[in-house]
Amino acid sequence: MGDYLSLLIDGVWITLVVTFGSFAIGSVLALPIVLARRAPSVLIRAVARAYVDLFRGVPPIVWLFLIFFGLGTQEQLRIDPIPAALVGFGIISSAYISEIYRGALIGVDRGQFEAADALGLTRAAALFTIVVPQAFRIALPGTATYLVGLLKDTAIASTIGVQDITFIASSEAARTLEGLDVFSVAAVLYLLLSIPLAILSRTLHRRLDRSAAA
């Protein structure tokens, strides 16, 4: 067990890099998407909606294969496994997180907009000084829940050669013929990573519920 446990621990760090790296990319990219969804222009809203539907409607593994085996085969676009996973999951995450942001903006009391108008604030000023801070608080539980799911979804990055927990478990299971033991340890490692995030998500949900009830 000691032989592959240290390798699996190394895989934990790669798993965390891919998970939090792609989550950060998605969180940033989601901002212009959600703003585009609320744009006055019908065309801009339609393009933003198409973006969300496209990246939510196709399985993540297909996007990873397209980026790594498709675009990555072009000499000018050659990309290593980890950057390919970060790009793929980052873009996919942006589509999902933008919907969480959009729901949070919808959840902000309309009275806040009216108060901003009464103060003479422009739409942009009202959005970023009054609405966005409140929407961010509302979005936190949803983004934490998504992060838990993303942690597990990144296991498919092993299919393009990312040496995460799943990749190393598969390799060591084939080498040692101890698949049950190796994947049991891998499962425990995933639990140790996901349980704290799940607890954080539930805590944020409870706090938001108490705040809404107050």
C-alpha atoms as a PDB file:
ATOM      1  CA  MET A   1       0.000   0.000   0.000  1.00  0.00           C
ATOM      2  CA  GLY A   2       2.849   2.350   0.822  1.00  0.00           C
ATOM      3  CA  ASP A   3       4.101   2.122  -2.754  1.00  0.00           C
ATOM      4  CA  TYR A   4       1.018   3.608  -4.321  1.00  0.00           C
ATOM      5  CA  LEU A   5      -0.238   5.708  -1.402  1.00  0.00           C
ATOM      6  CA  SER A   6       2.509   8.291  -1.881  1.00  0.00           C
ATOM      7  CA  LEU A   7       1.708   8.393  -5.597  1.00  0.00           C
ATOM      8  CA  LEU A   8      -1.981   8.903  -4.841  1.00  0.00           C
ATOM      9  CA  ILE A   9      -1.092  11.747  -2.470  1.00  0.00           C
ATOM     10  CA  ASP A  10       0.784  13.380  -5.351  1.00  0.00           C
ATOM     11  CA  GLY A  11      -2.385  12.914  -7.389  1.00  0.00           C
ATOM     12  CA  VAL A  12      -4.330  14.805  -4.728  1.00  0.00           C
ATOM     13  CA  TRP A  13      -2.347  17.964  -5.463  1.00  0.00           C
ATOM     14  CA  ILE A  14      -2.985  17.673  -9.181  1.00  0.00           C
ATOM     15  CA  THR A  15      -6.686  17.116  -8.478  1.00  0.00           C
ATOM     16  CA  LEU A  16      -6.775  20.269  -6.352  1.00  0.00           C
ATOM     17  CA  VAL A  17      -4.909  22.306  -8.967  1.00  0.00           C
ATOM     18  CA  VAL A  18      -7.336  21.293 -11.713  1.00  0.00           C
ATOM     19  CA  THR A  19     -10.400  21.748  -9.494  1.00  0.00           C
ATOM     20  CA  PHE A  20      -9.631  25.140  -7.994  1.00  0.00           C
ATOM     21  CA  GLY A  21      -7.834  26.428 -11.071  1.00  0.00           C
ATOM     22  CA  SER A  22     -10.760  25.712 -13.369  1.00  0.00           C
ATOM     23  CA  PHE A  23     -13.197  26.990 -10.719  1.00  0.00           C
ATOM     24  CA  ALA A  24     -11.312  30.298 -10.570  1.00  0.00           C
ATOM     25  CA  ILE A  25     -11.288  30.584 -14.360  1.00  0.00           C
ATOM     26  CA  GLY A  26     -14.989  29.776 -14.536  1.00  0.00           C
ATOM     27  CA  SER A  27     -15.881  32.237 -11.776  1.00  0.00           C
ATOM     28  CA  VAL A  28     -14.171  35.092 -13.635  1.00  0.00           C
ATOM     29  CA  LEU A  29     -15.481  34.194 -17.100  1.00  0.00           C
ATOM     30  CA  ALA A  30     -19.004  33.872 -15.707  1.00  0.00           C
ATOM     31  CA  LEU A  31     -19.155  37.585 -14.878  1.00  0.00           C
ATOM     32  CA  PRO A  32     -19.275  38.954 -18.451  1.00  0.00           C
ATOM     33  CA  ILE A  33     -21.587  36.108 -19.429  1.00  0.00           C
ATOM     34  CA  VAL A  34     -24.171  36.944 -16.790  1.00  0.00           C
ATOM     35  CA  LEU A  35     -23.931  40.642 -17.650  1.00  0.00           C
ATOM     36  CA  ALA A  36     -24.481  39.745 -21.306  1.00  0.00           C
ATOM     37  CA  ARG A  37     -27.561  37.745 -20.286  1.00  0.00           C
ATOM     38  CA  ARG A  38     -28.979  40.977 -18.846  1.00  0.00           C
ATOM     39  CA  ALA A  39     -27.876  43.251 -21.706  1.00  0.00           C
ATOM     40  CA  PRO A  40     -30.455  45.474 -23.452  1.00  0.00           C
ATOM     41  CA  SER A  41     -29.485  43.999 -26.827  1.00  0.00           C
ATOM     42  CA  VAL A  42     -31.495  40.950 -27.846  1.00  0.00           C
ATOM     43  CA  LEU A  43     -28.569  39.723 -29.944  1.00  0.00           C
ATOM     44  CA  ILE A  44     -26.112  39.876 -27.053  1.00  0.00           C
ATOM     45  CA  ARG A  45     -28.558  38.064 -24.784  1.00  0.00           C
ATOM     46  CA  ALA A  46     -29.091  35.393 -27.432  1.00  0.00           C
ATOM     47  CA  VAL A  47     -25.349  34.842 -27.895  1.00  0.00           C
ATOM     48  CA  ALA A  48     -24.816  34.578 -24.139  1.00  0.00           C
ATOM     49  CA  ARG A  49     -27.696  32.124 -23.826  1.00  0.00           C
ATOM     50  CA  ALA A  50     -26.303  30.038 -26.696  1.00  0.00           C
ATOM     51  CA  TYR A  51     -22.909  29.960 -24.965  1.00  0.00           C
ATOM     52  CA  VAL A  52     -24.451  28.667 -21.751  1.00  0.00           C
ATOM     53  CA  ASP A  53     -26.569  26.064 -23.524  1.00  0.00           C
ATOM     54  CA  LEU A  54     -23.625  24.901 -25.633  1.00  0.00           C
ATOM     55  CA  PHE A  55     -21.230  24.269 -22.776  1.00  0.00           C
ATOM     56  CA  ARG A  56     -23.877  22.817 -20.484  1.00  0.00           C
ATOM     57  CA  GLY A  57     -25.424  20.629 -23.160  1.00  0.00           C
ATOM     58  CA  VAL A  58     -22.318  18.705 -24.258  1.00  0.00           C
ATOM     59  CA  PRO A  59     -20.669  16.189 -21.872  1.00  0.00           C
ATOM     60  CA  PRO A  60     -17.458  17.535 -20.300  1.00  0.00           C
ATOM     61  CA  ILE A  61     -15.412  14.606 -21.601  1.00  0.00           C
ATOM     62  CA  VAL A  62     -16.299  15.600 -25.167  1.00  0.00           C
ATOM     63  CA  TRP A  63     -14.974  19.124 -24.597  1.00  0.00           C
ATOM     64  CA  LEU A  64     -11.786  17.751 -23.044  1.00  0.00           C
ATOM     65  CA  PHE A  65     -11.246  15.442 -26.011  1.00  0.00           C
ATOM     66  CA  LEU A  66     -11.981  18.277 -28.438  1.00  0.00           C
ATOM     67  CA  ILE A  67      -9.448  20.559 -26.765  1.00  0.00           C
ATOM     68  CA  PHE A  68      -6.710  17.993 -26.141  1.00  0.00           C
ATOM     69  CA  PHE A  69      -7.047  15.512 -28.996  1.00  0.00           C
ATOM     70  CA  GLY A  70      -8.660  17.913 -31.465  1.00  0.00           C
ATOM     71  CA  LEU A  71      -7.172  21.387 -31.124  1.00  0.00           C
ATOM     72  CA  GLY A  72      -4.130  19.994 -29.351  1.00  0.00           C
ATOM     73  CA  THR A  73      -3.049  18.076 -32.436  1.00  0.00           C
ATOM     74  CA  GLN A  74      -2.527  21.337 -34.316  1.00  0.00           C
ATOM     75  CA  GLU A  75       1.131  22.366 -34.133  1.00  0.00           C
ATOM     76  CA  GLN A  76       0.307  25.961 -33.222  1.00  0.00           C
ATOM     77  CA  LEU A  77      -2.228  24.926 -30.580  1.00  0.00           C
ATOM     78  CA  ARG A  78      -0.382  22.028 -28.939  1.00  0.00           C
ATOM     79  CA  ILE A  79      -1.401  21.884 -25.285  1.00  0.00           C
ATOM     80  CA  ASP A  80      -0.383  19.729 -22.330  1.00  0.00           C
ATOM     81  CA  PRO A  81      -2.926  17.714 -20.302  1.00  0.00           C
ATOM     82  CA  ILE A  82      -3.202  19.991 -17.261  1.00  0.00           C
ATOM     83  CA  PRO A  83      -3.638  23.255 -19.231  1.00  0.00           C
ATOM     84  CA  ALA A  84      -6.150  21.460 -21.465  1.00  0.00           C
ATOM     85  CA  ALA A  85      -8.120  20.373 -18.394  1.00  0.00           C
ATOM     86  CA  LEU A  86      -7.982  23.875 -16.922  1.00  0.00           C
ATOM     87  CA  VAL A  87      -9.240  25.414 -20.159  1.00  0.00           C
ATOM     88  CA  GLY A  88     -11.933  22.794 -20.650  1.00  0.00           C
ATOM     89  CA  PHE A  89     -13.305  22.753 -17.136  1.00  0.00           C
ATOM     90  CA  GLY A  90     -12.829  26.510 -16.822  1.00  0.00           C
ATOM     91  CA  ILE A  91     -15.060  27.199 -19.817  1.00  0.00           C
ATOM     92  CA  ILE A  92     -17.615  24.593 -18.761  1.00  0.00           C
ATOM     93  CA  SER A  93     -17.646  26.016 -15.237  1.00  0.00           C
ATOM     94  CA  SER A  94     -18.233  29.522 -16.563  1.00  0.00           C
ATOM     95  CA  ALA A  95     -21.504  28.372 -18.134  1.00  0.00           C
ATOM     96  CA  TYR A  96     -22.774  26.766 -14.928  1.00  0.00           C
ATOM     97  CA  ILE A  97     -21.531  29.474 -12.583  1.00  0.00           C
ATOM     98  CA  SER A  98     -23.031  32.204 -14.762  1.00  0.00           C
ATOM     99  CA  GLU A  99     -26.439  30.650 -14.139  1.00  0.00           C
ATOM    100  CA  ILE A 100     -25.765  30.692 -10.400  1.00  0.00           C
ATOM    101  CA  TYR A 101     -24.805  34.364 -10.663  1.00  0.00           C
ATOM    102  CA  ARG A 102     -27.894  35.112 -12.740  1.00  0.00           C
ATOM    103  CA  GLY A 103     -30.142  33.466 -10.169  1.00  0.00           C
ATOM    104  CA  ALA A 104     -28.439  35.463  -7.432  1.00  0.00           C
ATOM    105  CA  LEU A 105     -29.025  38.733  -9.290  1.00  0.00           C
ATOM    106  CA  ILE A 106     -32.673  37.817  -9.735  1.00  0.00           C
ATOM    107  CA  GLY A 107     -32.813  37.101  -6.000  1.00  0.00           C
ATOM    108  CA  VAL A 108     -31.807  40.644  -5.066  1.00  0.00           C
ATOM    109  CA  ASP A 109     -34.810  42.663  -3.905  1.00  0.00           C
ATOM    110  CA  ARG A 110     -36.067  44.967  -6.669  1.00  0.00           C
ATOM    111  CA  GLY A 111     -36.309  47.652  -4.024  1.00  0.00           C
ATOM    112  CA  GLN A 112     -32.525  47.888  -4.096  1.00  0.00           C
ATOM    113  CA  PHE A 113     -32.665  49.066  -7.703  1.00  0.00           C
ATOM    114  CA  GLU A 114     -35.357  51.593  -6.825  1.00  0.00           C
ATOM    115  CA  ALA A 115     -33.264  52.854  -3.913  1.00  0.00           C
ATOM    116  CA  ALA A 116     -30.298  53.271  -6.248  1.00  0.00           C
ATOM    117  CA  ASP A 117     -32.450  55.282  -8.646  1.00  0.00           C
ATOM    118  CA  ALA A 118     -33.592  57.466  -5.776  1.00  0.00           C
ATOM    119  CA  LEU A 119     -29.955  58.134  -4.882  1.00  0.00           C
ATOM    120  CA  GLY A 120     -29.267  59.164  -8.466  1.00  0.00           C
ATOM    121  CA  LEU A 121     -26.858  56.305  -9.159  1.00  0.00           C
ATOM    122  CA  THR A 122     -26.274  55.160 -12.705  1.00  0.00           C
ATOM    123  CA  ARG A 123     -27.233  51.612 -13.643  1.00  0.00           C
ATOM    124  CA  ALA A 124     -23.578  50.527 -13.625  1.00  0.00           C
ATOM    125  CA  ALA A 125     -22.886  52.183 -10.273  1.00  0.00           C
ATOM    126  CA  ALA A 126     -25.988  50.625  -8.736  1.00  0.00           C
ATOM    127  CA  LEU A 127     -25.048  47.221 -10.092  1.00  0.00           C
ATOM    128  CA  PHE A 128     -21.505  47.162  -8.735  1.00  0.00           C
ATOM    129  CA  THR A 129     -21.947  49.054  -5.454  1.00  0.00           C
ATOM    130  CA  ILE A 130     -25.325  47.779  -4.271  1.00  0.00           C
ATOM    131  CA  VAL A 131     -26.567  44.797  -6.253  1.00  0.00           C
ATOM    132  CA  VAL A 132     -23.400  42.768  -6.870  1.00  0.00           C
ATOM    133  CA  PRO A 133     -22.297  42.602  -3.197  1.00  0.00           C
ATOM    134  CA  GLN A 134     -25.727  41.267  -2.215  1.00  0.00           C
ATOM    135  CA  ALA A 135     -25.864  38.901  -5.177  1.00  0.00           C
ATOM    136  CA  PHE A 136     -22.403  37.587  -4.284  1.00  0.00           C
ATOM    137  CA  ARG A 137     -23.651  36.594  -0.837  1.00  0.00           C
ATOM    138  CA  ILE A 138     -26.678  34.865  -2.358  1.00  0.00           C
ATOM    139  CA  ALA A 139     -24.492  33.057  -4.903  1.00  0.00           C
ATOM    140  CA  LEU A 140     -21.991  31.680  -2.376  1.00  0.00           C
ATOM    141  CA  PRO A 141     -23.960  28.551  -1.377  1.00  0.00           C
ATOM    142  CA  GLY A 142     -24.630  27.636  -4.998  1.00  0.00           C
ATOM    143  CA  THR A 143     -21.022  28.118  -6.047  1.00  0.00           C
ATOM    144  CA  ALA A 144     -19.825  26.034  -3.097  1.00  0.00           C
ATOM    145  CA  THR A 145     -22.194  23.244  -4.109  1.00  0.00           C
ATOM    146  CA  TYR A 146     -20.949  23.442  -7.681  1.00  0.00           C
ATOM    147  CA  LEU A 147     -17.354  23.237  -6.457  1.00  0.00           C
ATOM    148  CA  VAL A 148     -18.116  19.910  -4.754  1.00  0.00           C
ATOM    149  CA  GLY A 149     -19.471  18.522  -8.020  1.00  0.00           C
ATOM    150  CA  LEU A 150     -16.540  19.931  -9.978  1.00  0.00           C
ATOM    151  CA  LEU A 151     -14.071  18.172  -7.693  1.00  0.00           C
ATOM    152  CA  LYS A 152     -15.626  14.838  -8.633  1.00  0.00           C
ATOM    153  CA  ASP A 153     -16.094  15.707 -12.307  1.00  0.00           C
ATOM    154  CA  THR A 154     -12.404  16.488 -12.745  1.00  0.00           C
ATOM    155  CA  ALA A 155     -11.715  12.755 -12.418  1.00  0.00           C
ATOM    156  CA  ILE A 156     -12.409  12.478 -16.146  1.00  0.00           C
ATOM    157  CA  ALA A 157      -9.332  14.626 -16.773  1.00  0.00           C
ATOM    158  CA  SER A 158      -7.443  11.365 -16.285  1.00  0.00           C
ATOM    159  CA  THR A 159      -8.669  10.333 -19.741  1.00  0.00           C
ATOM    160  CA  ILE A 160      -6.411  12.948 -21.351  1.00  0.00           C
ATOM    161  CA  GLY A 161      -3.404  12.073 -19.217  1.00  0.00           C
ATOM    162  CA  VAL A 162      -3.781  14.389 -16.223  1.00  0.00           C
ATOM    163  CA  GLN A 163      -2.060  12.504 -13.400  1.00  0.00           C
ATOM    164  CA  ASP A 164      -4.724  13.096 -10.787  1.00  0.00           C
ATOM    165  CA  ILE A 165      -6.071  10.659  -8.203  1.00  0.00           C
ATOM    166  CA  THR A 166      -8.047   8.657 -10.757  1.00  0.00           C
ATOM    167  CA  PHE A 167      -5.186   8.441 -13.268  1.00  0.00           C
ATOM    168  CA  ILE A 168      -2.729   7.179 -10.667  1.00  0.00           C
ATOM    169  CA  ALA A 169      -5.281   4.764  -9.202  1.00  0.00           C
ATOM    170  CA  SER A 170      -5.918   3.305 -12.654  1.00  0.00           C
ATOM    171  CA  SER A 171      -2.200   2.987 -13.380  1.00  0.00           C
ATOM    172  CA  GLU A 172      -1.385   1.403 -10.027  1.00  0.00           C
ATOM    173  CA  ALA A 173      -4.348  -0.962 -10.210  1.00  0.00           C
ATOM    174  CA  ALA A 174      -3.104  -2.204 -13.570  1.00  0.00           C
ATOM    175  CA  ARG A 175       0.461  -2.523 -12.280  1.00  0.00           C
ATOM    176  CA  THR A 176      -0.250  -4.235  -8.955  1.00  0.00           C
ATOM    177  CA  LEU A 177      -3.468  -6.060  -9.857  1.00  0.00           C
ATOM    178  CA  GLU A 178      -4.863  -4.753  -6.553  1.00  0.00           C
ATOM    179  CA  GLY A 179      -7.693  -2.738  -8.020  1.00  0.00           C
ATOM    180  CA  LEU A 180     -10.009  -3.051  -5.025  1.00  0.00           C
ATOM    181  CA  ASP A 181      -7.401  -1.768  -2.582  1.00  0.00           C
ATOM    182  CA  VAL A 182      -6.123   1.007  -4.823  1.00  0.00           C
ATOM    183  CA  PHE A 183      -9.524   2.386  -5.761  1.00  0.00           C
ATOM    184  CA  SER A 184     -10.739   2.107  -2.164  1.00  0.00           C
ATOM    185  CA  VAL A 185      -7.891   4.389  -1.111  1.00  0.00           C
ATOM    186  CA  ALA A 186      -8.704   6.706  -4.027  1.00  0.00           C
ATOM    187  CA  ALA A 187     -12.342   6.835  -2.905  1.00  0.00           C
ATOM    188  CA  VAL A 188     -11.282   7.742   0.638  1.00  0.00           C
ATOM    189  CA  LEU A 189      -9.072  10.535  -0.689  1.00  0.00           C
ATOM    190  CA  TYR A 190     -11.943  11.955  -2.728  1.00  0.00           C
ATOM    191  CA  LEU A 191     -14.158  11.827   0.368  1.00  0.00           C
ATOM    192  CA  LEU A 192     -11.538  13.614   2.455  1.00  0.00           C
ATOM    193  CA  LEU A 193     -11.472  16.370  -0.147  1.00  0.00           C
ATOM    194  CA  SER A 194     -15.197  16.642  -0.835  1.00  0.00           C
ATOM    195  CA  ILE A 195     -16.648  16.352   2.683  1.00  0.00           C
ATOM    196  CA  PRO A 196     -15.191  19.671   3.945  1.00  0.00           C
ATOM    197  CA  LEU A 197     -16.499  21.398   0.816  1.00  0.00           C
ATOM    198  CA  ALA A 198     -19.921  19.801   1.304  1.00  0.00           C
ATOM    199  CA  ILE A 199     -19.984  20.977   4.926  1.00  0.00           C
ATOM    200  CA  LEU A 200     -19.055  24.483   3.783  1.00  0.00           C
ATOM    201  CA  SER A 201     -21.851  24.405   1.215  1.00  0.00           C
ATOM    202  CA  ARG A 202     -24.457  23.307   3.778  1.00  0.00           C
ATOM    203  CA  THR A 203     -23.260  25.932   6.244  1.00  0.00           C
ATOM    204  CA  LEU A 204     -23.583  28.686   3.660  1.00  0.00           C
ATOM    205  CA  HIS A 205     -27.055  27.460   2.680  1.00  0.00           C
ATOM    206  CA  ARG A 206     -28.202  27.518   6.322  1.00  0.00           C
ATOM    207  CA  ARG A 207     -26.841  31.008   6.870  1.00  0.00           C
ATOM    208  CA  LEU A 208     -28.529  32.265   3.729  1.00  0.00           C
ATOM    209  CA  ASP A 209     -31.826  30.670   4.808  1.00  0.00           C
ATOM    210  CA  ARG A 210     -31.595  32.283   8.258  1.00  0.00           C
ATOM    211  CA  SER A 211     -30.776  35.640   6.687  1.00  0.00           C
ATOM    212  CA  ALA A 212     -33.761  35.382   4.339  1.00  0.00           C
ATOM    213  CA  ALA A 213     -36.082  34.459   7.198  1.00  0.00           C
ATOM    214  CA  ALA A 214     -34.899  37.332   9.401  1.00  0.00           C
END
